[in-house]
Amino acid sequence: MRRRSTTILIALAVLLAVAIPAGAVMFGEKDVDNEYPYVGLVVFDFGGRPAWRCTGQLLSPTVLLTAGHCTEGASGARVWFDVDVTSPQYPFAGTDSVEAATIHTHPLYDDFASFPATHDIGIVILSEAQAGPFTSLAPVGTLDGLSLGTSRASATFAIVGYGLQDARPTLFSAERSRYKGEVRMINLESDLNAGYNVQLTSAEGTGGGLCFGDSGGAVYYSSTVVAVNSFVLNSFCMGSGFSHRTDIASVHDWVSSFLD
């Protein structure tokens, strides 16, 4: 990964981290009403063993959208769709998880070497069809329209994930609950965005924030996906959160090809 003057930390959670109870999305609230039943906790294998976890969302009975840095290099994966993942088999396969049939990373993803044009998007094809409901992609250019005039200040977005609530003094990884938050757009045009990423509010009192494990979770506008959570700016999850846009043609078309 190419480093810039600001440290960029991809927001996956490593399963080997110290297990101390916590929650996420940071500053959000648990999805107790199961408002997002199509959002799941994804454990990815490396070398045949569970290695890291992310968040993903169903676009169809078998197509799960997540981040490219989550799918890259993975030898397998499984998904849980419970609000609270309490499976005694976790992080291994069990009766309440769904195994991946195939795993795909966007062909232009290059481990952030072309930052900010990371194409940090991945797809997991499930081995068993799910009954739904499902979410869907927002039309190309949705965020461009919302970034103009008063729309930038008034538009709100939902973020949903199974990530960590805090990363101090070390990564907390025991919490396995789906949390949601409401955030606003900061900008699309900075050097960290450049039309590929969207920077979201990410501080206490702003409605929510990204942390490790929220990678791959969607940014929703009117129940459609406009971006996938990608990276944060410091190891404490207290910096700004950034998500890779799904409403740009190169990403939208690639993801849609699995749905077609």
Protein backbone atom coordinates (compact mmCIF):
# COMPACT_ATOMS: atom_id res chain seq x y z
CA MET A 1 0.00 0.00 0.00
CA ARG A 2 1.42 3.40 -0.91
CA ARG A 3 1.57 5.73 2.07
CA ARG A 4 0.81 9.44 1.83
CA SER A 5 1.53 12.20 4.34
CA THR A 6 -1.58 11.09 6.24
CA THR A 7 -1.57 7.48 7.41
CA ILE A 8 -4.33 5.44 5.79
CA LEU A 9 -5.60 2.39 7.65
CA ILE A 10 -7.97 0.00 5.92
CA ALA A 11 -10.85 -0.64 8.23
CA LEU A 12 -10.92 -4.45 8.48
CA ALA A 13 -10.67 -6.24 11.82
CA VAL A 14 -8.00 -8.88 12.35
CA LEU A 15 -9.35 -11.88 14.25
CA LEU A 16 -6.11 -12.31 16.18
CA ALA A 17 -6.64 -9.01 17.99
CA VAL A 18 -7.19 -9.07 21.75
CA ALA A 19 -10.82 -9.98 22.46
CA ILE A 20 -12.35 -7.32 24.72
CA PRO A 21 -16.12 -6.57 24.54
CA ALA A 22 -17.10 -3.45 22.63
CA GLY A 23 -19.61 -2.34 19.98
CA ALA A 24 -19.90 -0.48 16.65
CA VAL A 25 -20.75 1.56 14.45
CA MET A 26 -18.97 4.08 16.68
CA PHE A 27 -21.37 6.60 18.21
CA GLY A 28 -24.26 4.72 16.58
CA GLU A 29 -26.88 2.35 17.98
CA LYS A 30 -27.60 -1.37 17.71
CA ASP A 31 -29.96 -2.45 14.93
CA VAL A 32 -32.38 -3.92 17.49
CA ASP A 33 -35.35 -3.74 15.10
CA ASN A 34 -33.44 -5.64 12.39
CA GLU A 35 -33.83 -2.71 10.00
CA TYR A 36 -30.93 -4.02 7.89
CA PRO A 37 -31.45 -7.81 7.66
CA TYR A 38 -29.44 -7.94 4.41
CA VAL A 39 -26.26 -6.75 6.19
CA GLY A 40 -24.00 -9.53 7.43
CA LEU A 41 -20.76 -10.14 9.30
CA VAL A 42 -18.20 -11.74 6.96
CA VAL A 43 -15.22 -13.78 8.16
CA PHE A 44 -12.53 -14.30 5.52
CA ASP A 45 -10.02 -17.16 5.53
CA PHE A 46 -6.36 -16.96 4.61
CA GLY A 47 -4.58 -20.24 3.96
CA GLY A 48 -7.72 -22.10 4.97
CA ARG A 49 -7.99 -20.47 8.43
CA PRO A 50 -10.15 -17.55 9.65
CA ALA A 51 -8.01 -14.43 9.44
CA TRP A 52 -10.04 -11.19 9.28
CA ARG A 53 -13.61 -9.94 9.33
CA CYS A 54 -15.58 -7.30 7.48
CA THR A 55 -19.18 -6.30 6.75
CA GLY A 56 -21.17 -7.03 3.60
CA GLN A 57 -24.68 -6.60 2.19
CA LEU A 58 -26.88 -8.69 -0.08
CA LEU A 59 -27.72 -7.28 -3.50
CA SER A 60 -29.45 -10.49 -4.63
CA PRO A 61 -30.05 -14.02 -3.26
CA THR A 62 -26.38 -14.93 -3.76
CA VAL A 63 -24.46 -11.66 -4.39
CA LEU A 64 -22.87 -9.98 -1.37
CA LEU A 65 -21.14 -6.62 -1.79
CA THR A 66 -18.13 -5.75 0.38
CA ALA A 67 -14.69 -4.06 0.16
CA GLY A 68 -11.87 -5.15 -2.15
CA HIS A 69 -9.28 -5.15 0.63
CA CYS A 70 -11.54 -7.68 2.39
CA THR A 71 -11.80 -10.08 -0.56
CA GLU A 72 -8.22 -9.72 -1.85
CA GLY A 73 -6.15 -12.77 -0.98
CA ALA A 74 -8.97 -14.59 0.80
CA SER A 75 -9.12 -18.36 0.39
CA GLY A 76 -12.67 -18.67 1.69
CA ALA A 77 -15.40 -16.83 3.58
CA ARG A 78 -18.64 -17.25 5.49
CA VAL A 79 -21.42 -14.85 6.47
CA TRP A 80 -23.77 -14.45 9.44
CA PHE A 81 -26.90 -12.28 9.09
CA ASP A 82 -27.91 -12.15 12.78
CA VAL A 83 -28.07 -8.82 14.60
CA ASP A 84 -25.97 -10.48 17.32
CA VAL A 85 -23.66 -13.23 16.08
CA THR A 86 -23.48 -15.64 19.01
CA SER A 87 -22.65 -18.85 17.15
CA PRO A 88 -20.43 -21.14 19.26
CA GLN A 89 -18.70 -22.16 16.01
CA TYR A 90 -17.68 -18.58 15.15
CA PRO A 91 -15.39 -17.80 13.32
CA PHE A 92 -15.70 -21.26 11.77
CA ALA A 93 -18.63 -22.52 9.72
CA GLY A 94 -21.81 -23.50 11.56
CA THR A 95 -25.47 -24.14 10.97
CA ASP A 96 -26.23 -20.40 11.15
CA SER A 97 -23.57 -19.25 8.65
CA VAL A 98 -23.49 -19.30 4.85
CA GLU A 99 -20.30 -20.30 3.02
CA ALA A 100 -18.91 -18.46 0.01
CA ALA A 101 -18.90 -20.27 -3.32
CA THR A 102 -16.53 -17.80 -5.01
CA ILE A 103 -14.81 -14.55 -4.04
CA HIS A 104 -14.07 -11.68 -6.45
CA THR A 105 -12.06 -8.45 -6.18
CA HIS A 106 -12.48 -5.53 -8.58
CA PRO A 107 -9.95 -6.04 -11.42
CA LEU A 108 -8.51 -2.53 -10.90
CA TYR A 109 -7.93 -2.97 -7.17
CA ASP A 110 -4.16 -2.78 -6.50
CA ASP A 111 -3.78 -2.65 -2.71
CA PHE A 112 -4.14 1.16 -2.69
CA ALA A 113 -1.11 1.68 -4.99
CA SER A 114 -3.21 3.94 -7.24
CA PHE A 115 -4.73 5.83 -4.31
CA PRO A 116 -7.24 7.48 -4.30
CA ALA A 117 -8.45 5.43 -7.31
CA THR A 118 -8.38 2.26 -5.23
CA HIS A 119 -11.47 0.49 -6.65
CA ASP A 120 -11.79 -0.97 -3.17
CA ILE A 121 -14.79 -3.15 -4.02
CA GLY A 122 -15.32 -6.90 -3.64
CA ILE A 123 -18.04 -9.47 -4.27
CA VAL A 124 -18.78 -12.71 -2.44
CA ILE A 125 -21.00 -15.23 -4.23
CA LEU A 126 -22.83 -17.33 -1.65
CA SER A 127 -23.21 -21.08 -1.92
CA GLU A 128 -26.86 -20.94 -0.82
CA ALA A 129 -29.51 -18.51 -2.07
CA GLN A 130 -30.98 -16.23 0.58
CA ALA A 131 -34.66 -15.32 0.78
CA GLY A 132 -34.12 -11.58 1.14
CA PRO A 133 -34.87 -8.76 1.50
CA PHE A 134 -32.03 -7.19 -0.48
CA THR A 135 -30.57 -3.75 -1.02
CA SER A 136 -29.66 -2.16 -4.37
CA LEU A 137 -27.11 0.17 -5.98
CA ALA A 138 -27.87 3.86 -6.33
CA PRO A 139 -27.76 5.26 -9.88
CA VAL A 140 -24.44 6.48 -11.28
CA GLY A 141 -23.74 10.08 -10.21
CA THR A 142 -26.02 10.12 -7.16
CA LEU A 143 -23.36 11.59 -4.86
CA ASP A 144 -22.33 14.21 -7.44
CA GLY A 145 -25.86 15.60 -7.39
CA LEU A 146 -25.99 15.55 -3.61
CA SER A 147 -22.69 17.41 -3.30
CA LEU A 148 -24.13 20.56 -4.92
CA GLY A 149 -25.60 23.59 -3.20
CA THR A 150 -27.64 23.04 -0.07
CA SER A 151 -27.89 19.29 -0.70
CA ARG A 152 -24.44 18.66 0.80
CA ALA A 153 -25.50 20.09 4.14
CA SER A 154 -28.97 18.56 4.24
CA ALA A 155 -28.44 15.03 2.85
CA THR A 156 -28.08 12.28 5.44
CA PHE A 157 -26.68 8.78 4.96
CA ALA A 158 -26.92 5.58 6.99
CA ILE A 159 -23.83 3.49 7.71
CA VAL A 160 -24.18 -0.07 9.01
CA GLY A 161 -21.50 -2.46 10.20
CA TYR A 162 -20.21 -5.07 12.62
CA GLY A 163 -17.01 -3.20 13.36
CA LEU A 164 -15.38 -2.11 16.59
CA GLN A 165 -16.58 0.60 18.94
CA ASP A 166 -13.10 1.53 20.08
CA ALA A 167 -9.51 0.62 19.27
CA ARG A 168 -7.79 1.84 22.43
CA PRO A 169 -5.50 0.70 23.95
CA THR A 170 -5.62 -2.21 21.49
CA LEU A 171 -8.09 -3.59 18.98
CA PHE A 172 -11.33 -4.81 20.53
CA SER A 173 -12.69 -7.77 18.58
CA ALA A 174 -15.17 -9.65 20.79
CA GLU A 175 -18.23 -7.58 19.85
CA ARG A 176 -20.19 -9.14 16.99
CA SER A 177 -23.30 -6.99 16.74
CA ARG A 178 -24.78 -4.98 13.88
CA TYR A 179 -24.77 -1.25 14.58
CA LYS A 180 -26.11 1.65 12.53
CA GLY A 181 -25.44 5.36 12.41
CA GLU A 182 -26.52 8.45 10.51
CA VAL A 183 -23.81 10.63 8.96
CA ARG A 184 -23.38 13.51 6.54
CA MET A 185 -21.08 14.14 3.59
CA ILE A 186 -18.00 16.29 4.07
CA ASN A 187 -16.67 16.28 0.49
CA LEU A 188 -15.87 14.34 -2.69
CA GLU A 189 -13.10 16.50 -4.12
CA SER A 190 -10.12 16.48 -1.74
CA ASP A 191 -6.87 14.64 -2.53
CA LEU A 192 -8.16 11.72 -0.46
CA ASN A 193 -11.36 11.53 -2.51
CA ALA A 194 -10.82 12.87 -6.06
CA GLY A 195 -14.21 11.59 -7.19
CA TYR A 196 -13.51 7.99 -6.09
CA ASN A 197 -14.17 8.21 -2.35
CA VAL A 198 -16.58 10.12 -0.15
CA GLN A 199 -15.54 11.57 3.20
CA LEU A 200 -18.19 11.27 5.91
CA THR A 201 -18.63 12.86 9.30
CA SER A 202 -17.02 10.66 11.92
CA ALA A 203 -17.06 12.08 15.42
CA GLU A 204 -19.12 11.86 18.57
CA GLY A 205 -22.29 13.89 18.15
CA THR A 206 -22.32 13.57 14.35
CA GLY A 207 -24.38 10.37 14.28
CA GLY A 208 -21.81 7.65 13.67
CA GLY A 209 -18.29 6.78 12.62
CA LEU A 210 -16.30 3.97 11.00
CA CYS A 211 -13.92 1.64 12.81
CA PHE A 212 -12.09 -1.62 12.11
CA GLY A 213 -14.50 -4.29 10.93
CA ASP A 214 -16.87 -1.80 9.29
CA SER A 215 -14.96 -2.22 6.00
CA GLY A 216 -17.29 -3.36 3.25
CA GLY A 217 -20.39 -2.06 5.00
CA ALA A 218 -22.54 0.17 2.83
CA VAL A 219 -23.30 3.87 2.90
CA TYR A 220 -27.03 4.14 2.24
CA TYR A 221 -28.95 7.01 0.70
CA SER A 222 -32.72 6.44 0.50
CA SER A 223 -32.09 2.71 1.09
CA THR A 224 -29.72 2.43 -1.88
CA VAL A 225 -25.95 1.89 -1.73
CA VAL A 226 -23.81 4.87 -2.77
CA ALA A 227 -20.47 3.70 -1.32
CA VAL A 228 -18.66 0.93 0.55
CA ASN A 229 -16.72 1.69 3.74
CA SER A 230 -13.01 1.68 2.99
CA PHE A 231 -10.51 3.38 5.34
CA VAL A 232 -9.94 5.63 8.33
CA LEU A 233 -7.10 8.01 9.07
CA ASN A 234 -5.74 6.87 12.41
CA SER A 235 -5.37 3.72 14.48
CA PHE A 236 -7.90 4.91 17.09
CA CYS A 237 -10.84 5.27 14.64
CA MET A 238 -11.15 8.89 15.71
CA GLY A 239 -10.18 10.44 12.39
CA SER A 240 -12.34 10.91 9.33
CA GLY A 241 -13.99 7.93 7.67
CA PHE A 242 -13.85 7.35 3.92
CA SER A 243 -15.95 5.09 1.70
CA HIS A 244 -15.36 4.06 -1.91
CA ARG A 245 -18.13 5.15 -4.23
CA THR A 246 -20.33 2.58 -5.96
CA ASP A 247 -22.09 5.29 -7.99
CA ILE A 248 -19.17 5.75 -10.42
CA ALA A 249 -19.48 3.91 -13.72
CA SER A 250 -16.40 1.67 -13.44
CA VAL A 251 -17.60 0.26 -10.10
CA HIS A 252 -21.33 0.29 -10.84
CA ASP A 253 -20.89 -1.64 -14.08
CA TRP A 254 -18.59 -4.27 -12.54
CA VAL A 255 -20.89 -4.94 -9.60
CA SER A 256 -23.95 -4.98 -11.86
CA SER A 257 -22.31 -7.64 -14.04
CA PHE A 258 -22.74 -10.14 -11.19
CA LEU A 259 -26.40 -9.22 -10.89
CA ASP A 260 -26.97 -9.60 -14.63
